[in-house]
Protein backbone atom coordinates (compact mmCIF):
# COMPACT_ATOMS: atom_id res chain seq x y z
CA MET A 1 -29.26 -11.12 11.51
CA GLN A 2 -32.91 -10.24 12.10
CA ASP A 3 -31.87 -6.72 13.13
CA ILE A 4 -30.19 -5.97 9.81
CA LYS A 5 -33.16 -7.42 7.91
CA ARG A 6 -35.46 -5.13 9.83
CA VAL A 7 -33.26 -2.12 8.96
CA ILE A 8 -33.49 -3.06 5.30
CA GLU A 9 -37.27 -3.54 5.33
CA GLU A 10 -37.97 -0.39 7.37
CA ASN A 11 -36.03 1.66 4.81
CA ASN A 12 -37.84 0.37 1.73
CA GLY A 13 -35.34 -2.29 0.70
CA LYS A 14 -36.46 -5.64 -0.71
CA ILE A 15 -34.30 -8.74 -0.15
CA VAL A 16 -34.37 -10.74 -3.41
CA VAL A 17 -31.49 -13.17 -2.76
CA GLU A 18 -30.54 -14.47 0.68
CA HIS A 19 -27.20 -16.27 0.47
CA ASP A 20 -25.05 -17.58 3.32
CA TYR A 21 -22.45 -14.97 2.32
CA PHE A 22 -24.49 -11.99 1.15
CA LEU A 23 -27.93 -10.38 0.77
CA LEU A 24 -29.01 -8.92 -2.57
CA VAL A 25 -31.36 -6.02 -1.87
CA GLU A 26 -33.32 -4.09 -4.47
CA VAL A 27 -34.06 -0.46 -3.62
CA SER A 28 -35.54 2.41 -5.62
CA ARG A 29 -33.68 5.56 -6.52
CA GLU A 30 -35.85 7.53 -4.12
CA HIS A 31 -34.83 5.41 -1.12
CA VAL A 32 -31.22 4.34 -1.80
CA ARG A 33 -29.65 7.20 0.13
CA LYS A 34 -31.87 6.66 3.17
CA LEU A 35 -31.21 2.91 3.21
CA ALA A 36 -27.44 3.35 2.79
CA ARG A 37 -27.36 5.81 5.70
CA ALA A 38 -29.41 3.46 7.91
CA LEU A 39 -27.09 0.52 7.16
CA PHE A 40 -23.99 2.62 7.90
CA GLU A 41 -25.51 3.70 11.22
CA ALA A 42 -26.29 0.02 11.93
CA GLY A 43 -22.57 -0.81 11.73
CA ALA A 44 -22.07 -1.60 8.05
CA TYR A 45 -19.20 0.06 6.23
CA TYR A 46 -18.80 0.71 2.52
CA SER A 47 -16.84 -1.98 0.72
CA THR A 48 -17.14 -1.20 -2.97
CA GLY A 49 -19.55 -0.28 -5.77
CA VAL A 50 -20.16 -1.85 -9.16
CA GLY A 51 -21.88 -0.25 -12.15
CA SER A 52 -23.42 -2.59 -14.71
CA ASP A 53 -24.96 -2.13 -18.15
CA GLU A 54 -27.96 -4.44 -18.06
CA ARG A 55 -29.83 -3.03 -21.07
CA PRO A 56 -29.58 -6.32 -23.00
CA ARG A 57 -31.40 -8.00 -20.09
CA ASN A 58 -34.02 -5.45 -19.05
CA GLY A 59 -33.26 -2.06 -20.58
CA PHE A 60 -31.74 -0.63 -17.39
CA PHE A 61 -28.38 0.32 -15.95
CA ALA A 62 -27.69 -0.82 -12.39
CA MET A 63 -25.48 0.31 -9.56
CA TYR A 64 -24.56 -2.27 -6.91
CA HIS A 65 -23.40 -0.75 -3.61
CA ILE A 66 -21.69 -3.45 -1.52
CA LEU A 67 -21.55 -2.90 2.23
CA ASN A 68 -19.85 -5.10 4.79
CA HIS A 69 -21.91 -5.87 7.91
CA GLU A 70 -19.53 -7.79 10.14
CA GLU A 71 -21.95 -8.44 13.01
CA SER A 72 -24.25 -10.53 10.79
CA LYS A 73 -21.28 -11.87 8.76
CA LYS A 74 -23.01 -10.74 5.57
CA TYR A 75 -22.21 -8.52 2.64
CA ILE A 76 -25.23 -6.39 1.76
CA VAL A 77 -25.52 -5.66 -1.94
CA LEU A 78 -27.86 -2.73 -2.70
CA LYS A 79 -29.07 -2.78 -6.30
CA VAL A 80 -30.55 0.40 -7.70
CA GLU A 81 -31.60 0.75 -11.35
CA ALA A 82 -32.02 3.64 -13.78
CA PRO A 83 -33.23 3.67 -17.42
CA GLU A 84 -30.97 4.94 -20.19
CA HIS A 85 -33.21 7.94 -20.93
CA ASP A 86 -32.99 9.09 -17.27
CA LEU A 87 -29.59 7.83 -16.11
CA ARG A 88 -29.58 9.57 -12.73
CA ILE A 89 -29.14 7.97 -9.30
CA PRO A 90 -28.86 9.90 -6.02
CA SER A 91 -25.28 9.84 -4.70
CA ILE A 92 -24.77 8.16 -1.34
CA THR A 93 -21.33 9.78 -0.91
CA PRO A 94 -22.82 12.63 1.24
CA GLU A 95 -23.92 9.87 3.64
CA ILE A 96 -20.97 7.48 3.26
CA GLU A 97 -17.63 9.02 2.33
CA GLY A 98 -16.27 5.66 1.18
CA ALA A 99 -18.63 5.56 -1.84
CA ASN A 100 -16.81 8.50 -3.48
CA TRP A 101 -14.51 6.63 -5.85
CA ALA A 102 -16.97 3.87 -6.72
CA GLU A 103 -19.58 6.35 -7.90
CA ARG A 104 -17.05 8.42 -9.85
CA GLU A 105 -15.75 5.27 -11.55
CA ALA A 106 -19.27 4.15 -12.51
CA HIS A 107 -19.84 7.55 -14.08
CA ASP A 108 -16.57 7.35 -16.00
CA VAL A 109 -17.12 3.90 -17.48
CA LEU A 110 -20.92 3.78 -17.82
CA GLY A 111 -22.19 7.36 -17.77
CA ILE A 112 -24.35 7.01 -14.65
CA VAL A 113 -24.91 10.46 -13.14
CA PHE A 114 -24.83 10.50 -9.35
CA GLU A 115 -26.87 13.50 -8.26
CA GLY A 116 -25.49 15.39 -5.28
CA HIS A 117 -22.01 13.93 -5.51
CA PRO A 118 -19.62 16.38 -3.79
CA GLU A 119 -16.67 15.69 -6.11
CA PRO A 120 -17.93 14.71 -9.59
CA GLU A 121 -14.56 14.92 -11.39
CA ARG A 122 -13.11 12.11 -13.49
CA LEU A 123 -11.39 9.33 -11.63
CA ILE A 124 -10.01 6.65 -13.94
CA LEU A 125 -10.40 7.89 -17.54
CA PRO A 126 -7.46 9.88 -18.96
CA ASP A 127 -7.83 13.61 -19.39
CA ASP A 128 -7.88 13.31 -23.20
CA TRP A 129 -10.71 10.72 -23.26
CA PRO A 130 -13.69 12.11 -25.25
CA GLU A 131 -16.90 13.00 -23.46
CA GLY A 132 -19.86 10.68 -23.90
CA VAL A 133 -17.79 7.55 -24.63
CA TYR A 134 -18.23 4.91 -21.93
CA PRO A 135 -15.93 1.85 -22.27
CA LEU A 136 -17.83 -0.62 -20.07
CA ARG A 137 -21.13 -0.26 -21.88
CA LYS A 138 -22.07 -3.44 -23.71
CA ASP A 139 -22.20 -1.68 -27.08
CA PHE A 140 -18.58 -0.51 -26.73
CA LYS A 141 -16.40 -3.13 -28.45
CA TYR A 142 -13.34 -4.37 -26.56
CA ASN A 143 -11.07 -3.59 -29.56
CA GLU A 144 -12.60 -0.22 -30.38
CA LYS A 145 -10.14 2.64 -30.92
CA VAL A 146 -10.86 6.01 -29.30
CA LYS A 147 -9.44 9.24 -30.71
CA PRO A 148 -7.94 11.43 -27.95
CA VAL A 149 -9.32 14.92 -27.49
CA ARG A 150 -6.87 17.69 -26.65
CA LYS A 151 -7.90 19.67 -23.57
CA GLU A 152 -6.43 22.66 -21.82
CA GLU A 153 -4.37 21.59 -18.84
CA LYS A 154 -5.43 22.84 -15.41
CA PHE A 155 -2.90 23.73 -12.78
CA VAL A 156 -3.81 24.04 -9.11
CA GLU A 157 -2.51 27.15 -7.40
CA ARG A 158 -2.67 28.01 -3.71
CA GLU A 159 -1.72 31.37 -2.29
CA ASP A 160 -1.07 29.93 1.15
CA ALA A 161 1.22 27.06 0.11
CA LEU A 162 3.79 25.84 -2.36
CA VAL A 163 2.50 23.12 -4.71
CA LEU A 164 4.97 20.23 -4.81
CA PRO A 165 4.38 17.44 -7.35
CA LEU A 166 5.39 13.91 -6.35
CA GLY A 167 5.14 11.59 -9.34
CA PRO A 168 3.79 10.23 -11.57
CA PHE A 169 7.30 8.79 -11.94
CA HIS A 170 9.46 8.97 -8.84
CA PRO A 171 11.99 6.65 -7.15
CA THR A 172 9.83 6.37 -4.00
CA LEU A 173 6.70 5.30 -5.90
CA HIS A 174 6.11 1.67 -6.89
CA GLU A 175 4.23 2.51 -10.06
CA PRO A 176 2.87 5.60 -11.86
CA GLU A 177 0.82 7.72 -9.46
CA TYR A 178 0.69 11.39 -8.66
CA PHE A 179 0.52 13.18 -5.33
CA GLU A 180 0.06 16.93 -5.36
CA ILE A 181 1.47 18.02 -2.01
CA TYR A 182 0.88 21.50 -0.62
CA VAL A 183 3.61 22.67 1.76
CA ASP A 184 4.20 25.65 4.02
CA GLY A 185 7.92 25.54 4.65
CA GLU A 186 8.61 21.91 5.55
CA THR A 187 5.06 21.20 6.75
CA ILE A 188 2.43 19.52 4.59
CA VAL A 189 -0.82 21.50 4.73
CA GLY A 190 -2.78 19.46 2.19
CA ALA A 191 -2.52 16.84 -0.53
CA ARG A 192 -4.38 15.55 -3.57
CA TYR A 193 -4.03 12.11 -5.19
CA LYS A 194 -4.39 11.20 -8.85
CA GLY A 195 -3.80 7.69 -10.08
CA PHE A 196 -5.07 5.18 -12.66
CA PHE A 197 -2.30 5.99 -15.15
CA VAL A 198 -2.10 2.29 -16.00
CA HIS A 199 -5.36 0.61 -17.03
CA ARG A 200 -5.27 -2.87 -18.57
CA GLY A 201 -8.96 -3.27 -19.29
CA LEU A 202 -9.21 -6.63 -17.51
CA GLU A 203 -12.95 -6.35 -16.85
CA LYS A 204 -13.72 -5.69 -20.52
CA LEU A 205 -11.39 -8.50 -21.57
CA ALA A 206 -13.08 -10.96 -19.21
CA GLU A 207 -16.62 -10.02 -20.17
CA GLY A 208 -15.97 -10.07 -23.90
CA ARG A 209 -13.45 -12.87 -24.46
CA LEU A 210 -12.91 -15.25 -21.53
CA THR A 211 -14.78 -18.06 -19.84
CA ILE A 212 -15.13 -18.39 -16.07
CA HIS A 213 -12.34 -21.00 -16.20
CA GLN A 214 -9.91 -18.65 -17.96
CA ILE A 215 -10.46 -15.59 -15.79
CA PRO A 216 -8.48 -16.98 -12.80
CA PHE A 217 -5.30 -16.67 -14.90
CA VAL A 218 -6.14 -12.97 -15.39
CA ALA A 219 -7.27 -12.42 -11.79
CA GLU A 220 -3.98 -13.65 -10.36
CA ARG A 221 -2.15 -11.02 -12.43
CA ILE A 222 -4.06 -8.06 -10.98
CA CYS A 223 -1.33 -7.65 -8.36
CA GLY A 224 2.34 -8.57 -8.76
CA ILE A 225 2.65 -9.49 -5.10
CA CYS A 226 -0.73 -10.82 -3.95
CA GLY A 227 -2.09 -12.41 -7.09
CA TYR A 228 -3.20 -15.64 -5.40
CA THR A 229 -5.68 -13.88 -3.14
CA HIS A 230 -7.30 -12.27 -6.20
CA MET A 231 -7.59 -15.68 -7.87
CA ILE A 232 -9.25 -17.18 -4.78
CA CYS A 233 -11.51 -14.15 -4.35
CA TYR A 234 -12.74 -14.49 -7.94
CA CYS A 235 -13.23 -18.25 -7.60
CA GLN A 236 -15.23 -17.76 -4.40
CA ALA A 237 -17.45 -15.19 -6.12
CA VAL A 238 -18.30 -17.66 -8.86
CA GLU A 239 -18.69 -20.53 -6.39
CA ASN A 240 -21.11 -18.42 -4.34
CA ALA A 241 -23.03 -17.42 -7.47
CA ILE A 242 -23.57 -21.00 -8.63
CA GLY A 243 -23.81 -22.67 -5.19
CA LEU A 244 -20.70 -24.81 -5.59
CA GLU A 245 -19.19 -26.54 -2.54
CA VAL A 246 -15.39 -26.84 -2.62
CA PRO A 247 -13.78 -30.02 -1.18
CA GLU A 248 -12.46 -29.56 2.34
CA ARG A 249 -8.90 -30.55 1.44
CA ALA A 250 -8.89 -27.91 -1.29
CA GLU A 251 -9.99 -25.32 1.28
CA TYR A 252 -6.98 -26.18 3.42
CA ILE A 253 -4.54 -26.00 0.50
CA ARG A 254 -5.98 -22.61 -0.50
CA THR A 255 -5.50 -21.38 3.07
CA LEU A 256 -1.91 -22.61 3.15
CA LEU A 257 -1.01 -20.71 -0.01
CA LEU A 258 -2.90 -17.57 1.03
CA GLU A 259 -0.86 -17.39 4.23
CA ILE A 260 2.42 -18.08 2.42
CA GLU A 261 1.55 -15.13 0.20
CA ARG A 262 0.73 -12.95 3.23
CA ILE A 263 4.11 -13.68 4.83
CA HIS A 264 6.21 -12.91 1.76
CA SER A 265 4.14 -9.79 1.00
CA HIS A 266 4.56 -8.42 4.51
CA ILE A 267 8.30 -9.13 4.60
CA LEU A 268 8.65 -7.37 1.24
CA TRP A 269 6.80 -4.38 2.73
CA PHE A 270 9.15 -4.22 5.72
CA GLY A 271 12.13 -4.15 3.38
CA VAL A 272 10.60 -1.33 1.32
CA VAL A 273 9.75 0.71 4.43
CA TYR A 274 13.28 0.33 5.79
CA HIS A 275 14.56 1.57 2.44
CA LEU A 276 12.22 4.56 2.50
CA LEU A 277 13.52 5.39 5.98
CA GLY A 278 17.12 5.24 4.75
CA PHE A 279 17.87 1.98 6.57
CA ASP A 280 19.07 -0.18 3.67
CA THR A 281 20.73 -2.72 5.95
CA GLY A 282 17.23 -3.60 7.20
CA PHE A 283 16.03 -3.74 3.60
CA MET A 284 18.67 -6.31 2.68
CA HIS A 285 18.03 -8.46 5.77
CA ALA A 286 14.26 -8.49 5.16
CA TRP A 287 14.62 -9.51 1.53
CA ARG A 288 17.19 -12.14 2.41
CA ILE A 289 14.73 -13.73 4.87
CA ARG A 290 11.90 -13.41 2.34
CA GLU A 291 13.77 -15.65 -0.11
CA LYS A 292 13.13 -18.62 2.21
CA VAL A 293 9.39 -17.98 1.89
CA MET A 294 9.65 -17.68 -1.87
CA ASP A 295 11.47 -21.02 -1.91
CA ILE A 296 8.51 -22.55 -0.04
CA ALA A 297 6.10 -21.12 -2.63
CA GLU A 298 8.19 -22.57 -5.47
CA MET A 299 8.38 -25.98 -3.79
CA LEU A 300 4.60 -26.14 -3.23
CA THR A 301 3.42 -24.75 -6.58
CA GLY A 302 6.27 -25.05 -9.08
CA ASN A 303 6.79 -21.27 -9.32
CA ARG A 304 7.61 -18.38 -7.03
CA LYS A 305 4.27 -16.65 -7.57
CA THR A 306 1.81 -19.56 -6.93
CA TYR A 307 0.44 -19.07 -10.45
CA GLY A 308 -2.02 -21.58 -11.84
CA MET A 309 -2.68 -23.32 -8.53
CA SER A 310 -6.43 -22.84 -8.19
CA LEU A 311 -9.57 -22.94 -10.27
CA VAL A 312 -13.29 -22.60 -9.76
CA GLY A 313 -14.18 -25.64 -7.66
CA GLY A 314 -10.84 -26.36 -5.99
CA VAL A 315 -7.09 -26.52 -6.56
CA ARG A 316 -4.90 -28.13 -9.22
CA ARG A 317 -2.04 -29.56 -7.18
CA ASP A 318 -1.95 -31.57 -3.95
CA ILE A 319 0.53 -31.27 -1.05
CA ASP A 320 2.50 -34.37 0.00
CA GLU A 321 3.96 -35.17 3.43
CA ASP A 322 7.57 -34.45 2.48
CA LYS A 323 6.69 -30.89 1.48
CA LYS A 324 4.85 -30.37 4.78
CA GLU A 325 8.01 -31.04 6.83
CA LYS A 326 10.18 -28.84 4.62
CA THR A 327 7.63 -26.02 4.87
CA LEU A 328 7.52 -26.17 8.69
CA LYS A 329 11.31 -26.25 8.97
CA ALA A 330 11.74 -23.20 6.75
CA LEU A 331 9.03 -21.23 8.53
CA ARG A 332 10.61 -21.86 11.92
CA GLU A 333 13.80 -20.27 10.59
CA VAL A 334 11.81 -17.34 9.15
CA SER A 335 10.06 -16.82 12.50
CA GLN A 336 13.33 -16.69 14.45
CA GLU A 337 15.04 -14.35 12.03
CA MET A 338 12.11 -11.95 11.76
CA LYS A 339 11.79 -11.74 15.55
CA LYS A 340 15.44 -10.74 15.78
CA LEU A 341 15.08 -8.19 12.96
CA PHE A 342 12.01 -6.60 14.56
CA ASN A 343 13.66 -6.40 17.97
CA ASP A 344 16.78 -4.81 16.51
CA VAL A 345 14.86 -2.26 14.43
CA LEU A 346 12.45 -1.15 17.14
CA ALA A 347 15.40 -0.59 19.48
CA MET A 348 16.66 2.13 17.10
CA LYS A 349 15.39 5.57 18.10
CA GLU A 350 16.23 6.84 14.62
CA ILE A 351 13.54 4.53 13.19
CA LEU A 352 10.94 5.08 15.91
CA ASN A 353 11.19 8.86 15.56
CA ARG A 354 10.22 8.51 11.90
CA ILE A 355 7.14 6.29 12.36
CA GLU A 356 5.71 6.92 15.85
CA ASP A 357 2.95 9.60 15.94
CA VAL A 358 3.49 10.09 12.23
CA GLY A 359 0.83 9.70 9.51
CA ILE A 360 -2.17 9.88 11.83
CA LEU A 361 -5.48 8.42 10.56
CA PRO A 362 -8.13 8.82 13.31
CA LYS A 363 -10.49 5.88 13.84
CA ASP A 364 -13.63 7.77 12.84
CA ARG A 365 -12.08 8.95 9.54
CA ALA A 366 -10.76 5.43 8.90
CA ARG A 367 -14.27 4.00 9.17
CA SER A 368 -15.85 6.82 7.16
CA ILE A 369 -13.41 6.43 4.29
CA GLY A 370 -13.73 2.64 4.45
CA VAL A 371 -10.07 1.70 4.80
CA VAL A 372 -9.23 -1.97 5.15
CA GLY A 373 -6.55 -4.38 6.35
CA PRO A 374 -3.53 -3.20 8.37
CA VAL A 375 -4.51 0.42 7.75
CA ALA A 376 -7.87 -0.13 9.47
CA ARG A 377 -6.46 -2.34 12.23
CA GLY A 378 -3.71 0.21 12.87
CA SER A 379 -6.46 2.76 13.56
CA GLY A 380 -8.21 0.59 16.14
CA ILE A 381 -10.79 -1.08 13.85
CA ASN A 382 -11.10 -4.79 14.52
CA THR A 383 -11.84 -6.06 11.03
CA ASP A 384 -10.55 -9.11 9.15
CA VAL A 385 -12.43 -10.99 6.44
CA ARG A 386 -11.00 -14.29 7.70
CA LYS A 387 -12.90 -13.77 10.97
CA ASP A 388 -15.83 -11.64 9.84
CA HIS A 389 -16.73 -13.67 6.73
CA PRO A 390 -14.91 -17.00 7.13
CA TYR A 391 -13.84 -18.68 3.89
CA ALA A 392 -11.53 -21.52 2.84
CA ALA A 393 -10.36 -23.32 6.02
CA TYR A 394 -10.34 -20.30 8.33
CA LYS A 395 -13.60 -21.39 9.90
CA TYR A 396 -11.78 -24.43 11.31
CA LEU A 397 -8.69 -22.58 12.60
CA ASP A 398 -7.69 -20.52 15.63
CA PHE A 399 -5.91 -17.17 15.26
CA LYS A 400 -5.87 -13.64 16.62
CA VAL A 401 -6.47 -10.39 14.73
CA PRO A 402 -3.78 -7.84 15.72
CA VAL A 403 -5.29 -4.40 16.38
CA TYR A 404 -3.43 -1.25 17.50
CA ASN A 405 -4.87 2.11 18.47
CA GLY A 406 -1.98 4.44 17.66
CA CYS A 407 -3.47 5.37 14.26
CA ASP A 408 0.08 6.03 12.98
CA VAL A 409 2.74 4.41 10.78
CA LEU A 410 4.10 2.51 13.78
CA SER A 411 0.71 0.92 14.46
CA ARG A 412 0.45 -0.20 10.86
CA TYR A 413 3.98 -1.56 11.16
CA LEU A 414 3.14 -3.54 14.32
CA VAL A 415 -0.02 -5.00 12.82
CA ARG A 416 1.96 -6.47 9.93
CA ALA A 417 4.70 -7.73 12.24
CA ASP A 418 2.19 -9.60 14.40
CA GLU A 419 0.41 -10.96 11.33
CA ILE A 420 3.55 -12.70 10.11
CA PHE A 421 3.67 -14.82 13.26
CA GLU A 422 -0.10 -15.41 13.20
CA SER A 423 0.27 -16.62 9.59
CA ILE A 424 2.98 -19.06 10.61
CA TYR A 425 0.72 -20.33 13.42
CA LEU A 426 -2.12 -20.75 10.91
CA ILE A 427 0.08 -22.72 8.53
CA GLU A 428 1.15 -25.05 11.34
CA GLN A 429 -2.52 -25.76 12.06
CA VAL A 430 -3.33 -26.26 8.38
CA LEU A 431 -0.52 -28.81 7.89
CA ASP A 432 -1.45 -30.61 11.11
CA GLN A 433 -5.19 -30.79 10.46
CA MET A 434 -5.34 -31.14 6.67
CA PRO A 435 -7.96 -33.78 5.81
CA GLY A 436 -7.83 -36.27 2.97
CA GLY A 437 -10.14 -36.40 -0.01
CA ASP A 438 -10.60 -34.75 -3.38
CA ILE A 439 -9.05 -31.43 -4.28
CA MET A 440 -11.51 -30.22 -6.94
CA VAL A 441 -15.03 -30.48 -8.32
CA GLU A 442 -14.62 -31.40 -11.97
CA ARG A 443 -18.11 -30.83 -13.37
CA PHE A 444 -20.78 -28.28 -12.50
CA GLU A 445 -23.48 -26.19 -14.16
CA VAL A 446 -23.32 -22.40 -14.47
CA PRO A 447 -26.78 -20.78 -14.37
CA GLU A 448 -27.30 -17.51 -16.25
CA PHE A 449 -27.45 -14.15 -14.43
CA SER A 450 -26.58 -15.41 -10.96
CA VAL A 451 -24.96 -12.82 -8.69
CA GLY A 452 -21.96 -13.72 -6.54
CA VAL A 453 -19.71 -11.89 -4.08
CA GLY A 454 -16.30 -13.18 -3.02
CA ALA A 455 -14.02 -11.68 -0.37
CA THR A 456 -10.61 -12.54 1.02
CA GLU A 457 -8.27 -10.85 3.50
CA ALA A 458 -5.40 -9.99 1.19
CA PRO A 459 -2.07 -8.86 2.71
CA ARG A 460 -3.22 -5.27 2.15
CA GLY A 461 -6.77 -5.82 3.40
CA GLU A 462 -10.22 -6.78 2.25
CA ASP A 463 -10.24 -7.92 -1.40
CA VAL A 464 -13.68 -8.08 -3.06
CA HIS A 465 -14.79 -9.56 -6.38
CA PHE A 466 -18.31 -9.28 -7.78
CA VAL A 467 -19.64 -11.43 -10.64
CA ILE A 468 -22.81 -11.90 -12.65
CA THR A 469 -22.72 -15.16 -14.57
CA HIS A 470 -23.70 -15.50 -18.23
CA ARG A 471 -24.56 -18.27 -20.63
CA GLY A 472 -21.82 -20.42 -22.14
CA SER A 473 -19.77 -20.40 -18.90
CA LYS A 474 -19.07 -16.68 -19.41
CA VAL A 475 -19.40 -13.75 -17.02
CA TYR A 476 -21.83 -10.92 -17.74
CA ARG A 477 -20.06 -8.64 -15.26
CA TRP A 478 -16.87 -9.00 -13.28
CA ARG A 479 -15.56 -6.32 -10.95
CA PRO A 480 -12.44 -6.90 -8.85
CA ARG A 481 -11.71 -4.35 -6.11
CA ALA A 482 -8.21 -4.46 -4.64
CA PRO A 483 -7.71 -3.26 -1.03
CA THR A 484 -5.45 -0.36 -2.02
CA TYR A 485 -8.44 1.16 -3.87
CA ASN A 486 -10.06 1.73 -0.47
CA ASN A 487 -6.88 2.77 1.34
CA LEU A 488 -5.51 5.38 -1.08
CA PRO A 489 -8.18 8.03 -0.31
CA SER A 490 -6.91 8.09 3.29
CA VAL A 491 -3.38 9.18 2.33
CA PRO A 492 -4.16 12.96 2.14
CA VAL A 493 -5.58 12.71 5.67
CA MET A 494 -2.40 11.01 6.90
CA LEU A 495 -0.15 13.56 5.21
CA GLU A 496 -1.73 16.72 6.55
CA GLY A 497 0.35 18.40 9.25
CA GLU A 498 3.36 16.13 8.77
CA HIS A 499 6.93 16.94 7.76
CA LEU A 500 7.64 16.70 4.03
CA ALA A 501 10.52 14.27 4.66
CA ASP A 502 8.05 11.78 6.17
CA ALA A 503 5.78 11.69 3.09
CA PRO A 504 7.40 8.62 1.44
CA ALA A 505 7.06 6.48 4.58
CA ILE A 506 3.47 7.66 5.16
CA ILE A 507 2.48 6.85 1.60
CA GLY A 508 4.30 3.52 1.84
CA SER A 509 2.51 2.65 5.07
CA ILE A 510 -0.66 1.71 3.16
CA ASP A 511 1.44 -0.71 1.07
């Protein structure tokens, strides 16, 4: 811990908040790039970035770069400010590749100019959005209507390759997204990704209309599969901001539901991958087994998606002894059936030939881009928020983090397979060790302008939420960052040099 503090101080950073979970560090525009590089060289990797309009407070805009330093078990939040009349901040993307999207997004929604950014194109705003209109500025009303501006369409042409569009609507894609794939014969020689076709404006909604107690219902709808981890991540960010201790029994219940969600998400993924590989028998078996996990979720929470189970300060529903036994019995059946399915599938050469040594993401590129979860662990990076930044009941439990060094689709497959059985082992410990006591804190104060960071290990990887509290139990700023946001920039690297027929499975391997 002292080592990372020394790195910060030697590179002109000033620690202004020292929390058990994170450090808030102020740094000037002149020194932000040097400090970011020093932290990256000291073992931190880029997690996410958050732009914030803080003119009503102090007349400045701020950029918060959040780095994950696993050795010290701290998130390091670099805060750099710029006034409205000189809204320029040096880009740290030339030093840390993973900051690319975060800086482009902050420019789109707030107008912050990142000097020296190697790829300053739009990221999330639509092509017909007018210049100079920034939707996350505080003076932009949540219900304001924007008139589209017609622009000339640009088409990418390459003399050395055929440009093949995949998306934005395609049977192999889960939602609207666009991959521009460049092929020479049947070989992929390059790719470009464009997404963000669906934008619900959740951050603006939360900051303008909702209290901290209402946002969990929005947070759990960020993802249709792993909504509970977003809810917990948000709750932890607020709890860290206001210094709220959650009852121990509530921590165990949260952990139980997080692992139930991980199991059903991973089994769903296996079914989808089998389908992408043309093995629909495997798809049907996986989803048949998954139903048993969904039945557990419904029994424990009253619905198949664990909606409405948690809140800032704890959980809403308790777990009785009868449900514990039913949960254990069902999970034993799931474990046996998944073991058989995995053994059968991996014995098929037709499957192995499609996933082994396919979709290579080298370890150094994985770290540079900042990938998370099974994508990182499949490239030999031993990272898991449950171990590196323990939350909920994970600090009391024993489990292994599966890591594979193949850097291919097969390695990402094996990581998820192992995690299913580790999750079952975790649930067995949770149900055996669960303490008695309260399940929520009913009353607490919310100070104004407190900063909080929450992180969970979602099924797809590190999930991060950032909050700044506001008066009246509101949030001044809320920024959720899903794990796929960090993993998608790695897809063009995985695709290059591969056969075109393998593209769906490679894209699907990031989940």
